[in-house]
Amino acid sequence: MGYLSNRRKHHTAGLPSFPAGTQIVIDASDSGNLSLTGSSVDQIQDISGNNNHVSATGSARPLYTGTAVNGYTSVAFDGVDDVLESAFNAPAINDDDFYLILALHYPSGATSNRCLASASSEGGGVTRGAGWKLTQRTNDDLRYSTTNDTSTADAGLANNVFSANNPYVFAFSVERTGATALQQITWVNGANEGTINKSGGAYGTMTLTDLFRIGGDAAGLHQLFNFVEMRFASGPSVLDNFTAQRNEMETKYAV
């Protein structure tokens, strides 16, 4: 799989199929999904068919030179200003069941309290925002946060999970169990990290009508990591497909 010295257009036909409710699939493991200038990533195509492509310009562009994960080359984010963004053309998502699955390689030199992925126009630091964000926190914890949570700033999805120079598939799902309650289940490389049940406030509310980001957030908290693939789905019955989608990515990246 060679690097491209000139700009390359992404696939325009023959997209794979994904379960109903899939909103965005960004897969950097296939070079045909990428538009490059040299090794700089201008855009990665959303292969869900929803045209939620992520893109960047100038110094914000990551590089298609990341560490291979089970033979698949990744996209390297520098942890300084690299971020890929999508205008997110899907309908508004509010209080729906959802899942997010993220495959990456975690290098040495990454800094705690930095953002891996985020949505909407959030700001104000790691733990607060007008949308949601997925972060690596102190003690190498994986965290999820939203400003719509009135009971706690963020939630620990898994503790002490990050270890340098290793690949990961993180998967978490949120099932609404009432107007102000939810059940959250997290998996790391095929291991169930446990279930969190929440009640009170509006913890876990999804509001995804604006920007979707990989590699950082609106507050400029960018993470150093090698991105491979991300899948996000929301809506009624999407959790029926969560296990199959998670298993598929864990097998693909041999974690």
Protein backbone atom coordinates (compact mmCIF):
# COMPACT_ATOMS: atom_id res chain seq x y z
CA MET A 1 0.00 0.00 0.00
CA GLY A 2 2.06 2.97 -1.22
CA TYR A 3 1.75 6.63 -0.34
CA LEU A 4 0.36 8.93 -3.00
CA SER A 5 2.45 11.85 -4.21
CA ASN A 6 -0.50 13.64 -5.81
CA ARG A 7 -4.04 14.32 -4.68
CA ARG A 8 -6.19 11.21 -5.02
CA LYS A 9 -9.99 11.19 -5.14
CA HIS A 10 -11.85 8.80 -2.90
CA HIS A 11 -14.20 6.02 -3.98
CA THR A 12 -17.46 7.19 -5.53
CA ALA A 13 -19.23 3.87 -6.01
CA GLY A 14 -19.46 0.40 -4.58
CA LEU A 15 -19.65 1.43 -0.94
CA PRO A 16 -20.06 -1.36 1.61
CA SER A 17 -23.39 -1.71 3.41
CA PHE A 18 -23.88 -1.04 7.12
CA PRO A 19 -26.82 -1.62 9.48
CA ALA A 20 -29.73 0.80 9.66
CA GLY A 21 -28.98 3.77 11.86
CA THR A 22 -25.31 3.99 10.86
CA GLN A 23 -24.52 7.70 10.65
CA ILE A 24 -20.82 7.82 9.86
CA VAL A 25 -18.05 5.34 9.04
CA ILE A 26 -14.53 6.70 8.61
CA ASP A 27 -12.16 3.94 7.50
CA ALA A 28 -8.54 4.92 6.93
CA SER A 29 -7.44 1.30 6.47
CA ASP A 30 -8.39 1.53 2.78
CA SER A 31 -6.26 4.10 0.93
CA GLY A 32 -9.06 4.47 -1.61
CA ASN A 33 -11.11 6.30 1.01
CA LEU A 34 -8.47 9.00 1.38
CA SER A 35 -7.72 12.18 -0.55
CA LEU A 36 -4.04 13.02 -0.09
CA THR A 37 -1.54 15.68 -0.97
CA GLY A 38 1.73 13.84 -0.59
CA SER A 39 1.17 12.05 2.71
CA SER A 40 -1.04 14.83 4.16
CA VAL A 41 -4.68 13.79 4.56
CA ASP A 42 -7.07 16.32 2.99
CA GLN A 43 -10.16 14.16 3.42
CA ILE A 44 -11.36 10.71 4.43
CA GLN A 45 -14.61 9.60 2.85
CA ASP A 46 -17.57 8.60 4.99
CA ILE A 47 -18.37 5.16 3.56
CA SER A 48 -21.73 4.93 5.37
CA GLY A 49 -23.27 6.62 2.34
CA ASN A 50 -24.32 9.70 4.34
CA ASN A 51 -21.58 11.94 2.93
CA ASN A 52 -20.29 12.92 6.36
CA HIS A 53 -16.73 13.08 5.06
CA VAL A 54 -14.06 14.42 7.42
CA SER A 55 -11.48 16.88 6.15
CA ALA A 56 -8.75 19.31 7.14
CA THR A 57 -6.54 21.99 5.61
CA GLY A 58 -3.04 23.32 6.20
CA SER A 59 -1.20 22.27 9.33
CA ALA A 60 -4.36 20.65 10.77
CA ARG A 61 -4.00 17.76 8.34
CA PRO A 62 -2.80 14.46 9.85
CA LEU A 63 -0.37 12.26 7.94
CA TYR A 64 -0.97 8.93 6.24
CA THR A 65 2.17 7.51 7.83
CA GLY A 66 0.91 6.02 11.08
CA THR A 67 1.92 2.70 12.57
CA ALA A 68 0.30 -0.30 10.90
CA VAL A 69 -2.43 -2.14 12.82
CA ASN A 70 -2.64 -5.77 11.69
CA GLY A 71 -1.19 -4.71 8.33
CA TYR A 72 -3.47 -1.68 7.88
CA THR A 73 -1.70 1.68 7.69
CA SER A 74 -3.12 4.35 9.97
CA VAL A 75 -3.42 8.13 9.96
CA ALA A 76 -1.07 9.88 12.40
CA PHE A 77 -2.42 12.80 14.47
CA ASP A 78 0.35 14.96 15.95
CA GLY A 79 -1.37 15.94 19.21
CA VAL A 80 -0.77 19.63 18.47
CA ASP A 81 -3.33 20.87 15.96
CA ASP A 82 -4.29 17.91 13.74
CA VAL A 83 -8.05 17.37 13.50
CA LEU A 84 -10.44 16.06 10.85
CA GLU A 85 -13.93 17.59 10.84
CA SER A 86 -17.29 16.85 9.27
CA ALA A 87 -20.27 19.20 8.95
CA PHE A 88 -22.40 16.11 9.73
CA ASN A 89 -25.28 16.03 7.28
CA ALA A 90 -27.39 13.51 9.20
CA PRO A 91 -30.68 14.48 10.86
CA ALA A 92 -30.54 15.82 14.40
CA ILE A 93 -29.83 13.13 16.98
CA ASN A 94 -31.35 13.72 20.38
CA ASP A 95 -31.63 11.25 23.25
CA ASP A 96 -31.30 8.21 21.01
CA ASP A 97 -29.62 4.89 21.72
CA PHE A 98 -26.19 4.95 20.11
CA TYR A 99 -22.84 3.23 19.83
CA LEU A 100 -19.36 4.33 18.83
CA ILE A 101 -16.51 1.97 17.88
CA LEU A 102 -13.01 3.36 17.44
CA ALA A 103 -9.88 1.53 16.23
CA LEU A 104 -6.48 3.12 16.81
CA HIS A 105 -2.85 2.58 17.65
CA TYR A 106 -1.69 4.33 20.81
CA PRO A 107 1.92 5.53 20.51
CA SER A 108 4.43 6.56 23.14
CA GLY A 109 4.56 10.25 24.00
CA ALA A 110 0.81 10.87 24.17
CA THR A 111 -0.40 13.38 26.79
CA SER A 112 -3.23 12.84 29.26
CA ASN A 113 -6.45 14.89 29.21
CA ARG A 114 -6.63 15.06 25.44
CA CYS A 115 -9.51 14.36 23.07
CA LEU A 116 -9.77 11.44 20.62
CA ALA A 117 -13.16 12.31 19.08
CA SER A 118 -15.90 14.84 19.73
CA ALA A 119 -19.14 16.23 18.37
CA SER A 120 -21.06 19.50 18.22
CA SER A 121 -19.70 22.89 19.27
CA GLU A 122 -18.30 21.83 22.62
CA GLY A 123 -15.72 23.84 24.51
CA GLY A 124 -14.54 24.72 27.98
CA GLY A 125 -12.00 21.99 28.60
CA VAL A 126 -11.89 18.23 28.69
CA THR A 127 -14.87 17.56 30.90
CA ARG A 128 -17.46 20.02 29.65
CA GLY A 129 -19.00 20.77 26.29
CA ALA A 130 -22.23 21.45 24.43
CA GLY A 131 -22.05 18.04 22.81
CA TRP A 132 -19.91 15.06 23.77
CA LYS A 133 -16.31 13.96 23.66
CA LEU A 134 -14.21 10.83 24.09
CA THR A 135 -10.94 11.48 25.90
CA GLN A 136 -7.90 9.85 27.41
CA ARG A 137 -7.76 11.14 30.97
CA THR A 138 -5.18 10.94 33.73
CA ASN A 139 -4.21 7.43 34.88
CA ASP A 140 -4.73 6.29 31.28
CA ASP A 141 -8.51 6.16 31.69
CA LEU A 142 -10.97 6.28 28.80
CA ARG A 143 -13.65 8.91 29.50
CA TYR A 144 -16.88 10.14 27.92
CA SER A 145 -18.36 13.52 28.76
CA THR A 146 -21.26 15.82 27.92
CA THR A 147 -22.40 19.15 29.36
CA ASN A 148 -25.95 17.83 29.47
CA ASP A 149 -24.93 15.74 32.48
CA THR A 150 -26.09 17.53 35.65
CA SER A 151 -24.80 14.95 38.11
CA THR A 152 -21.16 14.46 37.14
CA ALA A 153 -18.77 16.02 34.67
CA ASP A 154 -17.83 12.84 32.85
CA ALA A 155 -17.92 9.07 33.08
CA GLY A 156 -15.11 6.57 33.33
CA LEU A 157 -15.67 4.05 30.56
CA ALA A 158 -12.59 2.02 31.42
CA ASN A 159 -9.67 2.52 33.81
CA ASN A 160 -5.97 2.11 33.09
CA VAL A 161 -6.52 0.87 29.56
CA PHE A 162 -3.97 2.87 27.55
CA SER A 163 -0.52 1.37 27.11
CA ALA A 164 2.06 2.77 24.71
CA ASN A 165 2.68 1.11 21.35
CA ASN A 166 -0.45 -1.03 21.35
CA PRO A 167 -3.54 -1.24 19.11
CA TYR A 168 -7.04 -0.79 20.51
CA VAL A 169 -10.65 -1.19 19.54
CA PHE A 170 -12.77 0.83 21.95
CA ALA A 171 -16.52 0.23 21.77
CA PHE A 172 -19.24 1.75 23.91
CA SER A 173 -22.99 1.82 23.69
CA VAL A 174 -25.66 3.89 25.41
CA GLU A 175 -29.19 2.57 25.81
CA ARG A 176 -31.88 4.97 26.97
CA THR A 177 -33.97 3.38 29.70
CA GLY A 178 -36.17 6.38 30.42
CA ALA A 179 -36.33 10.13 30.09
CA THR A 180 -33.34 10.69 32.40
CA ALA A 181 -31.73 7.27 32.72
CA LEU A 182 -29.42 5.14 30.65
CA GLN A 183 -27.27 2.05 30.59
CA GLN A 184 -23.74 2.33 29.21
CA ILE A 185 -21.59 -0.68 28.29
CA THR A 186 -17.91 -0.46 27.36
CA TRP A 187 -15.61 -2.95 25.63
CA VAL A 188 -11.83 -2.68 25.17
CA ASN A 189 -10.18 -5.15 22.79
CA GLY A 190 -12.95 -7.66 23.26
CA ALA A 191 -13.07 -7.44 27.05
CA ASN A 192 -16.22 -6.18 28.76
CA GLU A 193 -15.20 -3.33 31.05
CA GLY A 194 -18.57 -3.25 32.77
CA THR A 195 -21.92 -1.52 32.76
CA ILE A 196 -22.76 1.93 34.09
CA ASN A 197 -26.35 2.73 35.02
CA LYS A 198 -27.20 6.42 35.38
CA SER A 199 -30.27 8.28 36.50
CA GLY A 200 -30.99 11.93 37.17
CA GLY A 201 -30.23 14.90 34.99
CA ALA A 202 -29.83 14.20 31.30
CA TYR A 203 -26.59 12.24 31.39
CA GLY A 204 -25.74 10.70 28.04
CA THR A 205 -27.92 12.98 25.96
CA MET A 206 -26.82 12.94 22.35
CA THR A 207 -27.03 16.20 20.43
CA LEU A 208 -25.21 15.78 17.17
CA THR A 209 -26.26 18.45 14.71
CA ASP A 210 -23.03 20.33 14.13
CA LEU A 211 -19.35 19.44 13.74
CA PHE A 212 -18.00 15.94 14.20
CA ARG A 213 -14.26 15.74 14.93
CA ILE A 214 -11.54 13.11 15.01
CA GLY A 215 -8.34 14.05 16.81
CA GLY A 216 -9.50 16.94 18.97
CA ASP A 217 -12.23 19.26 20.19
CA ALA A 218 -13.28 22.90 19.92
CA ALA A 219 -11.10 23.79 22.92
CA GLY A 220 -7.96 22.71 21.05
CA LEU A 221 -7.27 19.61 23.13
CA HIS A 222 -5.72 17.37 20.48
CA GLN A 223 -4.42 13.87 21.07
CA LEU A 224 -1.34 12.14 19.67
CA PHE A 225 -2.48 8.83 18.20
CA ASN A 226 -2.73 6.75 15.04
CA PHE A 227 -6.29 6.51 13.76
CA VAL A 228 -7.57 3.53 11.77
CA GLU A 229 -11.38 3.38 11.77
CA MET A 230 -14.51 4.69 13.48
CA ARG A 231 -18.17 3.69 13.26
CA PHE A 232 -21.04 5.61 14.83
CA ALA A 233 -24.74 4.67 14.79
CA SER A 234 -27.82 6.03 16.56
CA GLY A 235 -31.57 5.55 16.62
CA PRO A 236 -34.15 2.88 17.42
CA SER A 237 -32.85 -0.71 17.49
CA VAL A 238 -29.25 0.18 16.58
CA LEU A 239 -27.96 -1.71 19.60
CA ASP A 240 -29.19 -4.94 17.99
CA ASN A 241 -26.17 -4.60 15.69
CA PHE A 242 -23.60 -3.40 18.22
CA THR A 243 -22.07 -6.80 19.03
CA ALA A 244 -21.70 -7.83 15.39
CA GLN A 245 -20.10 -4.51 14.44
CA ARG A 246 -17.76 -4.65 17.42
CA ASN A 247 -16.74 -8.23 16.69
CA GLU A 248 -16.09 -7.37 13.06
CA MET A 249 -13.66 -4.59 13.96
CA GLU A 250 -11.93 -6.60 16.68
CA THR A 251 -11.34 -9.42 14.20
CA LYS A 252 -10.20 -7.06 11.44
CA TYR A 253 -7.56 -5.44 13.66
CA ALA A 254 -6.64 -8.59 15.60
CA VAL A 255 -7.05 -7.15 19.10
